[in-house]
Amino acid sequence: MNEKQKAYSTILRTLPATDARTEVLFRQAGDGFLQIEYGHEQRLYVPDSFRILAIDAKVKEKGIDGLIETVPGLRTNMFHFDPLILPVERLIDEIAECEDQLNSLDNMVIPSRLIRLPVAFEDTETKKAVEKYLQLIRPDAPNCEGGYNLEYIAQCNGVSVKEAKEKFMETEWFNSGCGFWPGGGFFWPLDPRCALVVPKYNPPRTWTPEGSVGLGGPCAFTYTTPTGGGYQLMGRTIPTFQFAMKHPQFADTPFLYRNADRIKFYEVSEEEVLNIYEHVHNKTDYQYEIEEGEIVVKDYINWLNSEKIQAEAAQFNKQRQEGLEKAPKL
């Protein structure tokens, strides 16, 4: 890197790769924000998130004066701090110390709730969002065939619509962190054989109904309130956010999700989803399906790296690449 490049570089410091991790980059992200990123390569590797969450917990345990909040993700973490109290170099020192202390993930056991969420795939509300997009934004959008995004999702992954639904429901989705929109979570497939990948809308929508379930790249997201959005819509699930906090599930927080939750979707009719909305927002007597659990990291990594899983994941990856090449470009 020459002097001119250094002058405009956002990277403040790096930590070299070790046997336990890839290279760590510390990026300036504004006067009061610091982003940690693992390596330069964009990759879907859920154990990166395990490490992010472990370092996040260690940093918070320090009780650093001036650290306001953190926003962990799959392979990044955003640290919000007060630069008048906490100089960025000191914050980097504190994080680097935690990185040096975590030599292995082998002994990690992550508390992880399993949340079962119903989803209606061909629902009227997401169809309205697609129709509005075609009418007002992009009438020729190739991702909206049949009034839904399901056909496009299937095309991009080299599968049928039925197979796309099955893969979406077969895997558990790991929440790497909550952010982007109030109550939202960033969900990644724990089973690489089910890693559906799809481009985002181009340009994005101006309206998405509450409860919509979307895919952007390999990431799933459930829309907590009506908003814009660019993820391809799979269908609609039940409320995962309640600002009024009337329902017992939301008595302590308006958010359903926590970091490291696992989400498992199962198919129901739209009528059942609408009935649950009534019993969450009005009658407030719906019982959410939440089971306490854990992820034994060493066991998961051994399973992930097993010959069978790697071979089947590689086969689906090849099939997916062929689908992406054939699908219309957005």
C-alpha atoms as a PDB file:
ATOM      1  CA  MET A   1       0.000   0.000   0.000  1.00  0.00           C
ATOM      2  CA  ASN A   2       1.505   3.341  -1.066  1.00  0.00           C
ATOM      3  CA  GLU A   3       1.328   6.581   0.957  1.00  0.00           C
ATOM      4  CA  LYS A   4      -1.692   7.906  -0.947  1.00  0.00           C
ATOM      5  CA  GLN A   5      -3.604   4.678  -0.389  1.00  0.00           C
ATOM      6  CA  LYS A   6      -2.700   4.756   3.306  1.00  0.00           C
ATOM      7  CA  ALA A   7      -4.041   8.291   3.612  1.00  0.00           C
ATOM      8  CA  TYR A   8      -7.474   7.160   2.422  1.00  0.00           C
ATOM      9  CA  SER A   9      -7.549   3.708   4.046  1.00  0.00           C
ATOM     10  CA  THR A  10     -10.247   3.048   6.642  1.00  0.00           C
ATOM     11  CA  ILE A  11      -8.243   0.159   8.142  1.00  0.00           C
ATOM     12  CA  LEU A  12      -6.735   1.375  11.413  1.00  0.00           C
ATOM     13  CA  ARG A  13      -5.047  -1.871  12.441  1.00  0.00           C
ATOM     14  CA  THR A  14      -4.939  -5.574  11.628  1.00  0.00           C
ATOM     15  CA  LEU A  15      -4.278  -8.708  13.640  1.00  0.00           C
ATOM     16  CA  PRO A  16      -2.551 -11.538  11.773  1.00  0.00           C
ATOM     17  CA  ALA A  17      -4.284 -14.824  11.073  1.00  0.00           C
ATOM     18  CA  THR A  18      -3.698 -17.660  13.557  1.00  0.00           C
ATOM     19  CA  ASP A  19      -4.695 -21.319  13.749  1.00  0.00           C
ATOM     20  CA  ALA A  20      -7.881 -20.212  15.522  1.00  0.00           C
ATOM     21  CA  ARG A  21      -8.990 -17.362  13.225  1.00  0.00           C
ATOM     22  CA  THR A  22      -8.469 -15.528   9.971  1.00  0.00           C
ATOM     23  CA  GLU A  23      -6.983 -12.015   9.785  1.00  0.00           C
ATOM     24  CA  VAL A  24      -8.829  -9.396  11.859  1.00  0.00           C
ATOM     25  CA  LEU A  25      -9.394  -5.938  10.351  1.00  0.00           C
ATOM     26  CA  PHE A  26     -10.257  -2.858  12.419  1.00  0.00           C
ATOM     27  CA  ARG A  27     -12.071  -0.323  10.230  1.00  0.00           C
ATOM     28  CA  GLN A  28     -12.977   3.269  11.020  1.00  0.00           C
ATOM     29  CA  ALA A  29     -16.738   3.572  10.467  1.00  0.00           C
ATOM     30  CA  GLY A  30     -17.381   7.178  11.506  1.00  0.00           C
ATOM     31  CA  ASP A  31     -16.356   9.323  14.450  1.00  0.00           C
ATOM     32  CA  GLY A  32     -18.050   7.037  16.952  1.00  0.00           C
ATOM     33  CA  PHE A  33     -18.067   3.652  15.220  1.00  0.00           C
ATOM     34  CA  LEU A  34     -15.471   0.914  14.753  1.00  0.00           C
ATOM     35  CA  GLN A  35     -16.075  -2.174  12.631  1.00  0.00           C
ATOM     36  CA  ILE A  36     -14.259  -5.452  13.180  1.00  0.00           C
ATOM     37  CA  GLU A  37     -14.144  -7.729  10.168  1.00  0.00           C
ATOM     38  CA  TYR A  38     -12.718 -11.220   9.791  1.00  0.00           C
ATOM     39  CA  GLY A  39     -10.636 -11.301   6.616  1.00  0.00           C
ATOM     40  CA  HIS A  40     -11.149  -9.680   3.223  1.00  0.00           C
ATOM     41  CA  GLU A  41     -13.110 -12.573   1.715  1.00  0.00           C
ATOM     42  CA  GLN A  42     -16.905 -12.572   1.793  1.00  0.00           C
ATOM     43  CA  ARG A  43     -17.900 -16.058   2.916  1.00  0.00           C
ATOM     44  CA  LEU A  44     -20.745 -17.940   4.560  1.00  0.00           C
ATOM     45  CA  TYR A  45     -19.111 -19.746   7.472  1.00  0.00           C
ATOM     46  CA  VAL A  46     -21.285 -19.730  10.583  1.00  0.00           C
ATOM     47  CA  PRO A  47     -18.415 -20.483  13.048  1.00  0.00           C
ATOM     48  CA  ASP A  48     -17.145 -16.959  12.251  1.00  0.00           C
ATOM     49  CA  SER A  49     -20.280 -15.737  14.020  1.00  0.00           C
ATOM     50  CA  PHE A  50     -19.568 -17.981  17.011  1.00  0.00           C
ATOM     51  CA  ARG A  51     -16.236 -16.207  17.455  1.00  0.00           C
ATOM     52  CA  ILE A  52     -17.774 -12.761  16.893  1.00  0.00           C
ATOM     53  CA  LEU A  53     -20.314 -13.406  19.664  1.00  0.00           C
ATOM     54  CA  ALA A  54     -17.647 -14.788  22.019  1.00  0.00           C
ATOM     55  CA  ILE A  55     -15.418 -11.724  21.553  1.00  0.00           C
ATOM     56  CA  ASP A  56     -18.468  -9.477  21.884  1.00  0.00           C
ATOM     57  CA  ALA A  57     -19.271 -11.023  25.273  1.00  0.00           C
ATOM     58  CA  LYS A  58     -15.666 -10.725  26.478  1.00  0.00           C
ATOM     59  CA  VAL A  59     -15.489  -7.035  25.529  1.00  0.00           C
ATOM     60  CA  LYS A  60     -18.788  -6.277  27.280  1.00  0.00           C
ATOM     61  CA  GLU A  61     -17.592  -8.049  30.426  1.00  0.00           C
ATOM     62  CA  LYS A  62     -14.822  -5.457  30.699  1.00  0.00           C
ATOM     63  CA  GLY A  63     -17.367  -2.687  31.330  1.00  0.00           C
ATOM     64  CA  ILE A  64     -15.407  -0.219  29.185  1.00  0.00           C
ATOM     65  CA  ASP A  65     -16.396   3.363  29.890  1.00  0.00           C
ATOM     66  CA  GLY A  66     -17.568   5.030  26.687  1.00  0.00           C
ATOM     67  CA  LEU A  67     -18.668   1.853  24.884  1.00  0.00           C
ATOM     68  CA  ILE A  68     -22.335   2.387  24.012  1.00  0.00           C
ATOM     69  CA  GLU A  69     -23.475  -0.717  22.119  1.00  0.00           C
ATOM     70  CA  THR A  70     -22.413  -3.391  19.658  1.00  0.00           C
ATOM     71  CA  VAL A  71     -24.059  -4.827  16.539  1.00  0.00           C
ATOM     72  CA  PRO A  72     -22.618  -8.306  15.835  1.00  0.00           C
ATOM     73  CA  GLY A  73     -23.120  -9.975  12.463  1.00  0.00           C
ATOM     74  CA  LEU A  74     -21.952 -13.084  10.628  1.00  0.00           C
ATOM     75  CA  ARG A  75     -18.305 -12.019  10.267  1.00  0.00           C
ATOM     76  CA  THR A  76     -18.333  -8.427  11.493  1.00  0.00           C
ATOM     77  CA  ASN A  77     -19.101  -6.487  14.638  1.00  0.00           C
ATOM     78  CA  MET A  78     -19.876  -2.774  14.837  1.00  0.00           C
ATOM     79  CA  PHE A  79     -18.788  -1.018  18.050  1.00  0.00           C
ATOM     80  CA  HIS A  80     -20.589   2.241  18.868  1.00  0.00           C
ATOM     81  CA  PHE A  81     -18.556   4.361  21.273  1.00  0.00           C
ATOM     82  CA  ASP A  82     -18.198   7.917  22.563  1.00  0.00           C
ATOM     83  CA  PRO A  83     -14.881   9.225  21.164  1.00  0.00           C
ATOM     84  CA  LEU A  84     -14.777  11.980  23.814  1.00  0.00           C
ATOM     85  CA  ILE A  85     -14.575   9.300  26.506  1.00  0.00           C
ATOM     86  CA  LEU A  86     -13.070   6.307  24.700  1.00  0.00           C
ATOM     87  CA  PRO A  87     -10.276   6.887  22.126  1.00  0.00           C
ATOM     88  CA  VAL A  88     -10.556   4.480  19.229  1.00  0.00           C
ATOM     89  CA  GLU A  89      -6.995   3.179  19.732  1.00  0.00           C
ATOM     90  CA  ARG A  90      -7.806   2.187  23.309  1.00  0.00           C
ATOM     91  CA  LEU A  91     -10.955   0.402  22.144  1.00  0.00           C
ATOM     92  CA  ILE A  92      -8.889  -1.510  19.572  1.00  0.00           C
ATOM     93  CA  ASP A  93      -6.414  -2.464  22.308  1.00  0.00           C
ATOM     94  CA  GLU A  94      -9.241  -3.838  24.470  1.00  0.00           C
ATOM     95  CA  ILE A  95     -10.709  -5.883  21.606  1.00  0.00           C
ATOM     96  CA  ALA A  96      -7.285  -7.149  20.509  1.00  0.00           C
ATOM     97  CA  GLU A  97      -6.629  -8.366  24.056  1.00  0.00           C
ATOM     98  CA  CYS A  98      -9.843 -10.412  23.936  1.00  0.00           C
ATOM     99  CA  GLU A  99      -8.857 -11.805  20.538  1.00  0.00           C
ATOM    100  CA  ASP A 100      -5.505 -12.945  21.885  1.00  0.00           C
ATOM    101  CA  GLN A 101      -7.217 -14.690  24.797  1.00  0.00           C
ATOM    102  CA  LEU A 102      -9.535 -16.774  22.612  1.00  0.00           C
ATOM    103  CA  ASN A 103      -7.249 -19.430  21.163  1.00  0.00           C
ATOM    104  CA  SER A 104      -9.873 -22.001  20.162  1.00  0.00           C
ATOM    105  CA  LEU A 105     -13.617 -22.486  19.701  1.00  0.00           C
ATOM    106  CA  ASP A 106     -13.416 -26.162  20.648  1.00  0.00           C
ATOM    107  CA  ASN A 107     -14.608 -25.678  24.219  1.00  0.00           C
ATOM    108  CA  MET A 108     -17.408 -23.244  23.411  1.00  0.00           C
ATOM    109  CA  VAL A 109     -20.992 -24.139  24.232  1.00  0.00           C
ATOM    110  CA  ILE A 110     -23.388 -21.424  23.058  1.00  0.00           C
ATOM    111  CA  PRO A 111     -26.788 -21.002  24.738  1.00  0.00           C
ATOM    112  CA  SER A 112     -29.171 -21.082  21.782  1.00  0.00           C
ATOM    113  CA  ARG A 113     -32.958 -21.095  21.883  1.00  0.00           C
ATOM    114  CA  LEU A 114     -34.845 -22.933  19.144  1.00  0.00           C
ATOM    115  CA  ILE A 115     -37.817 -20.885  17.897  1.00  0.00           C
ATOM    116  CA  ARG A 116     -40.324 -22.610  15.640  1.00  0.00           C
ATOM    117  CA  LEU A 117     -42.088 -20.175  13.318  1.00  0.00           C
ATOM    118  CA  PRO A 118     -44.974 -20.970  10.947  1.00  0.00           C
ATOM    119  CA  VAL A 119     -44.767 -19.579   7.417  1.00  0.00           C
ATOM    120  CA  ALA A 120     -47.411 -19.230   4.701  1.00  0.00           C
ATOM    121  CA  PHE A 121     -45.654 -19.221   1.335  1.00  0.00           C
ATOM    122  CA  GLU A 122     -48.283 -18.052  -1.175  1.00  0.00           C
ATOM    123  CA  ASP A 123     -49.951 -15.371   0.970  1.00  0.00           C
ATOM    124  CA  THR A 124     -51.975 -12.355  -0.100  1.00  0.00           C
ATOM    125  CA  GLU A 125     -49.942  -9.706   1.759  1.00  0.00           C
ATOM    126  CA  THR A 126     -46.596 -10.440   0.114  1.00  0.00           C
ATOM    127  CA  LYS A 127     -48.444 -10.729  -3.199  1.00  0.00           C
ATOM    128  CA  LYS A 128     -49.743  -7.184  -2.645  1.00  0.00           C
ATOM    129  CA  ALA A 129     -46.155  -6.019  -2.070  1.00  0.00           C
ATOM    130  CA  VAL A 130     -45.053  -7.607  -5.346  1.00  0.00           C
ATOM    131  CA  GLU A 131     -48.022  -6.162  -7.226  1.00  0.00           C
ATOM    132  CA  LYS A 132     -47.301  -2.672  -5.872  1.00  0.00           C
ATOM    133  CA  TYR A 133     -43.674  -3.019  -6.944  1.00  0.00           C
ATOM    134  CA  LEU A 134     -44.678  -4.007 -10.481  1.00  0.00           C
ATOM    135  CA  GLN A 135     -47.192  -1.179 -10.743  1.00  0.00           C
ATOM    136  CA  LEU A 136     -45.128   1.656  -9.287  1.00  0.00           C
ATOM    137  CA  ILE A 137     -41.435   0.772  -9.591  1.00  0.00           C
ATOM    138  CA  ARG A 138     -40.452  -1.882 -12.134  1.00  0.00           C
ATOM    139  CA  PRO A 139     -43.155  -3.389 -14.368  1.00  0.00           C
ATOM    140  CA  ASP A 140     -40.626  -5.667 -16.130  1.00  0.00           C
ATOM    141  CA  ALA A 141     -39.052  -7.100 -12.948  1.00  0.00           C
ATOM    142  CA  PRO A 142     -38.025 -10.699 -13.800  1.00  0.00           C
ATOM    143  CA  ASN A 143     -38.113 -11.770 -10.142  1.00  0.00           C
ATOM    144  CA  CYS A 144     -41.899 -11.300  -9.815  1.00  0.00           C
ATOM    145  CA  GLU A 145     -43.234 -14.063 -12.062  1.00  0.00           C
ATOM    146  CA  GLY A 146     -46.687 -15.234 -11.031  1.00  0.00           C
ATOM    147  CA  GLY A 147     -47.053 -12.437  -8.489  1.00  0.00           C
ATOM    148  CA  TYR A 148     -44.490 -13.897  -6.071  1.00  0.00           C
ATOM    149  CA  ASN A 149     -40.689 -14.184  -5.783  1.00  0.00           C
ATOM    150  CA  LEU A 150     -40.674 -17.956  -5.215  1.00  0.00           C
ATOM    151  CA  GLU A 151     -40.144 -18.901  -8.852  1.00  0.00           C
ATOM    152  CA  TYR A 152     -37.132 -16.593  -9.101  1.00  0.00           C
ATOM    153  CA  ILE A 153     -35.663 -17.952  -5.851  1.00  0.00           C
ATOM    154  CA  ALA A 154     -36.020 -21.470  -7.246  1.00  0.00           C
ATOM    155  CA  GLN A 155     -34.438 -20.517 -10.595  1.00  0.00           C
ATOM    156  CA  CYS A 156     -31.414 -18.938  -8.895  1.00  0.00           C
ATOM    157  CA  ASN A 157     -30.765 -22.136  -6.959  1.00  0.00           C
ATOM    158  CA  GLY A 158     -31.383 -24.645  -9.713  1.00  0.00           C
ATOM    159  CA  VAL A 159     -34.337 -26.240  -7.914  1.00  0.00           C
ATOM    160  CA  SER A 160     -38.126 -26.363  -8.163  1.00  0.00           C
ATOM    161  CA  VAL A 161     -40.340 -24.110  -6.042  1.00  0.00           C
ATOM    162  CA  LYS A 162     -41.259 -27.154  -3.943  1.00  0.00           C
ATOM    163  CA  GLU A 163     -37.581 -27.979  -3.378  1.00  0.00           C
ATOM    164  CA  ALA A 164     -36.797 -24.356  -2.485  1.00  0.00           C
ATOM    165  CA  LYS A 165     -39.503 -24.410   0.199  1.00  0.00           C
ATOM    166  CA  GLU A 166     -38.251 -27.741   1.524  1.00  0.00           C
ATOM    167  CA  LYS A 167     -34.661 -26.527   1.819  1.00  0.00           C
ATOM    168  CA  PHE A 168     -35.807 -23.341   3.539  1.00  0.00           C
ATOM    169  CA  MET A 169     -37.681 -25.388   6.145  1.00  0.00           C
ATOM    170  CA  GLU A 170     -35.173 -28.226   6.490  1.00  0.00           C
ATOM    171  CA  THR A 171     -32.322 -26.210   8.003  1.00  0.00           C
ATOM    172  CA  GLU A 172     -32.174 -24.295  11.261  1.00  0.00           C
ATOM    173  CA  TRP A 173     -31.307 -20.598  10.785  1.00  0.00           C
ATOM    174  CA  PHE A 174     -28.704 -19.149  13.161  1.00  0.00           C
ATOM    175  CA  ASN A 175     -29.170 -15.562  14.339  1.00  0.00           C
ATOM    176  CA  SER A 176     -25.755 -13.892  14.151  1.00  0.00           C
ATOM    177  CA  GLY A 177     -27.103 -10.711  15.731  1.00  0.00           C
ATOM    178  CA  CYS A 178     -30.012  -8.295  15.949  1.00  0.00           C
ATOM    179  CA  GLY A 179     -30.000  -5.059  14.016  1.00  0.00           C
ATOM    180  CA  PHE A 180     -30.659  -3.220  10.753  1.00  0.00           C
ATOM    181  CA  TRP A 181     -34.329  -2.715  11.685  1.00  0.00           C
ATOM    182  CA  PRO A 182     -35.922  -2.750  15.178  1.00  0.00           C
ATOM    183  CA  GLY A 183     -36.361  -6.347  16.284  1.00  0.00           C
ATOM    184  CA  GLY A 184     -34.783  -7.855  13.184  1.00  0.00           C
ATOM    185  CA  GLY A 185     -32.271 -10.677  13.165  1.00  0.00           C
ATOM    186  CA  PHE A 186     -29.727 -11.861  10.590  1.00  0.00           C
ATOM    187  CA  PHE A 187     -30.339 -15.581   9.972  1.00  0.00           C
ATOM    188  CA  TRP A 188     -27.861 -17.937   8.297  1.00  0.00           C
ATOM    189  CA  PRO A 189     -28.428 -21.605   7.357  1.00  0.00           C
ATOM    190  CA  LEU A 190     -26.673 -24.008   9.696  1.00  0.00           C
ATOM    191  CA  ASP A 191     -26.916 -26.715   7.032  1.00  0.00           C
ATOM    192  CA  PRO A 192     -24.845 -25.717   3.950  1.00  0.00           C
ATOM    193  CA  ARG A 193     -26.836 -28.166   1.839  1.00  0.00           C
ATOM    194  CA  CYS A 194     -29.815 -25.823   2.294  1.00  0.00           C
ATOM    195  CA  ALA A 195     -27.993 -22.535   1.647  1.00  0.00           C
ATOM    196  CA  LEU A 196     -30.339 -20.857  -0.802  1.00  0.00           C
ATOM    197  CA  VAL A 197     -28.726 -17.776  -2.360  1.00  0.00           C
ATOM    198  CA  VAL A 198     -30.544 -15.073  -4.313  1.00  0.00           C
ATOM    199  CA  PRO A 199     -29.809 -11.489  -5.459  1.00  0.00           C
ATOM    200  CA  LYS A 200     -31.743  -8.632  -3.863  1.00  0.00           C
ATOM    201  CA  TYR A 201     -34.398  -6.533  -5.595  1.00  0.00           C
ATOM    202  CA  ASN A 202     -33.060  -3.925  -8.032  1.00  0.00           C
ATOM    203  CA  PRO A 203     -34.220  -1.295  -7.144  1.00  0.00           C
ATOM    204  CA  PRO A 204     -35.749  -2.126  -3.725  1.00  0.00           C
ATOM    205  CA  ARG A 205     -39.422  -2.087  -2.742  1.00  0.00           C
ATOM    206  CA  THR A 206     -41.078   0.855  -0.995  1.00  0.00           C
ATOM    207  CA  TRP A 207     -43.417  -1.390   1.021  1.00  0.00           C
ATOM    208  CA  THR A 208     -43.157  -4.775   2.710  1.00  0.00           C
ATOM    209  CA  PRO A 209     -45.850  -6.078   5.097  1.00  0.00           C
ATOM    210  CA  GLU A 210     -45.202  -7.014   8.724  1.00  0.00           C
ATOM    211  CA  GLY A 211     -44.154 -10.631   9.062  1.00  0.00           C
ATOM    212  CA  SER A 212     -42.735 -11.023   5.559  1.00  0.00           C
ATOM    213  CA  VAL A 213     -39.940 -13.576   5.307  1.00  0.00           C
ATOM    214  CA  GLY A 214     -37.221 -12.645   2.841  1.00  0.00           C
ATOM    215  CA  LEU A 215     -33.923 -13.886   1.424  1.00  0.00           C
ATOM    216  CA  GLY A 216     -31.013 -11.655   0.392  1.00  0.00           C
ATOM    217  CA  GLY A 217     -27.839 -13.447  -0.639  1.00  0.00           C
ATOM    218  CA  PRO A 218     -27.779 -16.427   1.768  1.00  0.00           C
ATOM    219  CA  CYS A 219     -29.338 -14.399   4.640  1.00  0.00           C
ATOM    220  CA  ALA A 220     -32.947 -14.730   5.804  1.00  0.00           C
ATOM    221  CA  PHE A 221     -34.830 -11.898   7.509  1.00  0.00           C
ATOM    222  CA  THR A 222     -38.293 -11.502   9.001  1.00  0.00           C
ATOM    223  CA  TYR A 223     -39.750  -8.018   8.622  1.00  0.00           C
ATOM    224  CA  THR A 224     -40.922  -6.831  12.037  1.00  0.00           C
ATOM    225  CA  THR A 225     -42.966  -3.857  10.816  1.00  0.00           C
ATOM    226  CA  PRO A 226     -44.246  -2.547   7.475  1.00  0.00           C
ATOM    227  CA  THR A 227     -41.243  -1.012   5.711  1.00  0.00           C
ATOM    228  CA  GLY A 228     -39.324  -0.905   2.446  1.00  0.00           C
ATOM    229  CA  GLY A 229     -36.976  -3.722   1.570  1.00  0.00           C
ATOM    230  CA  GLY A 230     -34.957  -5.546  -1.019  1.00  0.00           C
ATOM    231  CA  TYR A 231     -34.969  -9.211   0.017  1.00  0.00           C
ATOM    232  CA  GLN A 232     -36.806 -11.696  -2.205  1.00  0.00           C
ATOM    233  CA  LEU A 233     -40.028 -12.665  -0.417  1.00  0.00           C
ATOM    234  CA  MET A 234     -40.515 -16.303   0.608  1.00  0.00           C
ATOM    235  CA  GLY A 235     -43.843 -15.788   2.402  1.00  0.00           C
ATOM    236  CA  ARG A 236     -45.197 -14.489   5.683  1.00  0.00           C
ATOM    237  CA  THR A 237     -44.741 -15.532   9.294  1.00  0.00           C
ATOM    238  CA  ILE A 238     -46.237 -14.435  12.633  1.00  0.00           C
ATOM    239  CA  PRO A 239     -45.371 -11.288  14.665  1.00  0.00           C
ATOM    240  CA  THR A 240     -41.790 -11.156  15.958  1.00  0.00           C
ATOM    241  CA  PHE A 241     -42.017  -7.599  17.351  1.00  0.00           C
ATOM    242  CA  GLN A 242     -44.635  -5.781  19.400  1.00  0.00           C
ATOM    243  CA  PHE A 243     -44.067  -2.131  20.208  1.00  0.00           C
ATOM    244  CA  ALA A 244     -47.074  -2.026  22.579  1.00  0.00           C
ATOM    245  CA  MET A 245     -45.592  -4.944  24.607  1.00  0.00           C
ATOM    246  CA  LYS A 246     -49.110  -6.223  25.441  1.00  0.00           C
ATOM    247  CA  HIS A 247     -48.457  -9.913  24.798  1.00  0.00           C
ATOM    248  CA  PRO A 248     -46.692 -11.802  27.652  1.00  0.00           C
ATOM    249  CA  GLN A 249     -43.898 -12.829  25.259  1.00  0.00           C
ATOM    250  CA  PHE A 250     -43.045  -9.143  24.806  1.00  0.00           C
ATOM    251  CA  ALA A 251     -43.596  -8.012  28.403  1.00  0.00           C
ATOM    252  CA  ASP A 252     -39.889  -7.354  29.022  1.00  0.00           C
ATOM    253  CA  THR A 253     -38.806  -6.391  25.508  1.00  0.00           C
ATOM    254  CA  PRO A 254     -40.632  -5.662  22.239  1.00  0.00           C
ATOM    255  CA  PHE A 255     -38.183  -7.988  20.458  1.00  0.00           C
ATOM    256  CA  LEU A 256     -38.638 -11.740  20.044  1.00  0.00           C
ATOM    257  CA  TYR A 257     -35.109 -12.595  18.922  1.00  0.00           C
ATOM    258  CA  ARG A 258     -31.848 -12.834  20.847  1.00  0.00           C
ATOM    259  CA  ASN A 259     -28.329 -13.291  19.516  1.00  0.00           C
ATOM    260  CA  ALA A 260     -27.571 -16.975  18.774  1.00  0.00           C
ATOM    261  CA  ASP A 261     -31.213 -18.031  18.492  1.00  0.00           C
ATOM    262  CA  ARG A 262     -32.006 -20.750  15.967  1.00  0.00           C
ATOM    263  CA  ILE A 263     -35.129 -20.415  13.820  1.00  0.00           C
ATOM    264  CA  LYS A 264     -36.950 -23.399  12.312  1.00  0.00           C
ATOM    265  CA  PHE A 265     -39.739 -22.646   9.851  1.00  0.00           C
ATOM    266  CA  TYR A 266     -42.684 -24.928   9.088  1.00  0.00           C
ATOM    267  CA  GLU A 267     -45.466 -24.470   6.549  1.00  0.00           C
ATOM    268  CA  VAL A 268     -49.026 -23.524   7.462  1.00  0.00           C
ATOM    269  CA  SER A 269     -51.963 -21.922   5.657  1.00  0.00           C
ATOM    270  CA  GLU A 270     -52.378 -18.160   5.456  1.00  0.00           C
ATOM    271  CA  GLU A 271     -55.586 -18.515   7.463  1.00  0.00           C
ATOM    272  CA  GLU A 272     -53.580 -19.948  10.362  1.00  0.00           C
ATOM    273  CA  VAL A 273     -51.021 -17.126  10.189  1.00  0.00           C
ATOM    274  CA  LEU A 274     -53.794 -14.507  10.249  1.00  0.00           C
ATOM    275  CA  ASN A 275     -55.423 -16.264  13.192  1.00  0.00           C
ATOM    276  CA  ILE A 276     -52.155 -16.104  15.123  1.00  0.00           C
ATOM    277  CA  TYR A 277     -51.891 -12.361  14.402  1.00  0.00           C
ATOM    278  CA  GLU A 278     -55.272 -11.944  16.129  1.00  0.00           C
ATOM    279  CA  HIS A 279     -54.099 -13.989  19.115  1.00  0.00           C
ATOM    280  CA  VAL A 280     -50.814 -12.053  19.406  1.00  0.00           C
ATOM    281  CA  HIS A 281     -51.838  -8.432  18.843  1.00  0.00           C
ATOM    282  CA  ASN A 282     -55.440  -8.468  20.106  1.00  0.00           C
ATOM    283  CA  LYS A 283     -56.234 -11.487  22.292  1.00  0.00           C
ATOM    284  CA  THR A 284     -52.576 -11.767  23.442  1.00  0.00           C
ATOM    285  CA  ASP A 285     -52.925 -15.474  24.309  1.00  0.00           C
ATOM    286  CA  TYR A 286     -50.827 -17.148  21.584  1.00  0.00           C
ATOM    287  CA  GLN A 287     -48.088 -19.436  22.900  1.00  0.00           C
ATOM    288  CA  TYR A 288     -44.800 -19.022  21.019  1.00  0.00           C
ATOM    289  CA  GLU A 289     -42.889 -22.247  20.391  1.00  0.00           C
ATOM    290  CA  ILE A 290     -39.549 -21.574  22.071  1.00  0.00           C
ATOM    291  CA  GLU A 291     -37.245 -24.262  23.437  1.00  0.00           C
ATOM    292  CA  GLU A 292     -34.102 -23.601  25.453  1.00  0.00           C
ATOM    293  CA  GLY A 293     -31.015 -25.283  24.035  1.00  0.00           C
ATOM    294  CA  GLU A 294     -27.362 -24.971  23.136  1.00  0.00           C
ATOM    295  CA  ILE A 295     -24.833 -25.408  20.362  1.00  0.00           C
ATOM    296  CA  VAL A 296     -21.761 -27.492  21.171  1.00  0.00           C
ATOM    297  CA  VAL A 297     -19.391 -25.754  18.793  1.00  0.00           C
ATOM    298  CA  LYS A 298     -16.874 -28.583  18.422  1.00  0.00           C
ATOM    299  CA  ASP A 299     -19.642 -31.055  17.534  1.00  0.00           C
ATOM    300  CA  TYR A 300     -21.145 -28.662  14.985  1.00  0.00           C
ATOM    301  CA  ILE A 301     -17.797 -27.926  13.306  1.00  0.00           C
ATOM    302  CA  ASN A 302     -16.986 -31.650  13.136  1.00  0.00           C
ATOM    303  CA  TRP A 303     -20.374 -32.290  11.495  1.00  0.00           C
ATOM    304  CA  LEU A 304     -19.948 -29.323   9.144  1.00  0.00           C
ATOM    305  CA  ASN A 305     -16.504 -30.502   8.027  1.00  0.00           C
ATOM    306  CA  SER A 306     -17.438 -34.172   7.661  1.00  0.00           C
ATOM    307  CA  GLU A 307     -16.834 -35.732   4.265  1.00  0.00           C
ATOM    308  CA  LYS A 308     -20.525 -36.447   3.660  1.00  0.00           C
ATOM    309  CA  ILE A 309     -21.745 -32.912   4.437  1.00  0.00           C
ATOM    310  CA  GLN A 310     -18.945 -31.270   2.465  1.00  0.00           C
ATOM    311  CA  ALA A 311     -19.587 -33.454  -0.579  1.00  0.00           C
ATOM    312  CA  GLU A 312     -23.342 -32.852  -0.570  1.00  0.00           C
ATOM    313  CA  ALA A 313     -22.858 -29.118   0.051  1.00  0.00           C
ATOM    314  CA  ALA A 314     -20.409 -28.923  -2.873  1.00  0.00           C
ATOM    315  CA  GLN A 315     -22.916 -30.695  -5.105  1.00  0.00           C
ATOM    316  CA  PHE A 316     -25.666 -28.222  -4.215  1.00  0.00           C
ATOM    317  CA  ASN A 317     -23.259 -25.295  -4.601  1.00  0.00           C
ATOM    318  CA  LYS A 318     -22.520 -26.433  -8.179  1.00  0.00           C
ATOM    319  CA  GLN A 319     -26.234 -26.771  -8.883  1.00  0.00           C
ATOM    320  CA  ARG A 320     -26.835 -23.310  -7.385  1.00  0.00           C
ATOM    321  CA  GLN A 321     -24.086 -21.699  -9.481  1.00  0.00           C
ATOM    322  CA  GLU A 322     -25.600 -23.148 -12.645  1.00  0.00           C
ATOM    323  CA  GLY A 323     -29.008 -21.780 -11.580  1.00  0.00           C
ATOM    324  CA  LEU A 324     -27.615 -18.306 -10.932  1.00  0.00           C
ATOM    325  CA  GLU A 325     -25.984 -18.239 -14.345  1.00  0.00           C
ATOM    326  CA  LYS A 326     -29.249 -19.138 -16.082  1.00  0.00           C
ATOM    327  CA  ALA A 327     -31.583 -16.918 -14.007  1.00  0.00           C
ATOM    328  CA  PRO A 328     -32.450 -13.411 -15.305  1.00  0.00           C
ATOM    329  CA  LYS A 329     -30.163 -10.684 -13.974  1.00  0.00           C
ATOM    330  CA  LEU A 330     -31.753  -7.992 -11.829  1.00  0.00           C
END
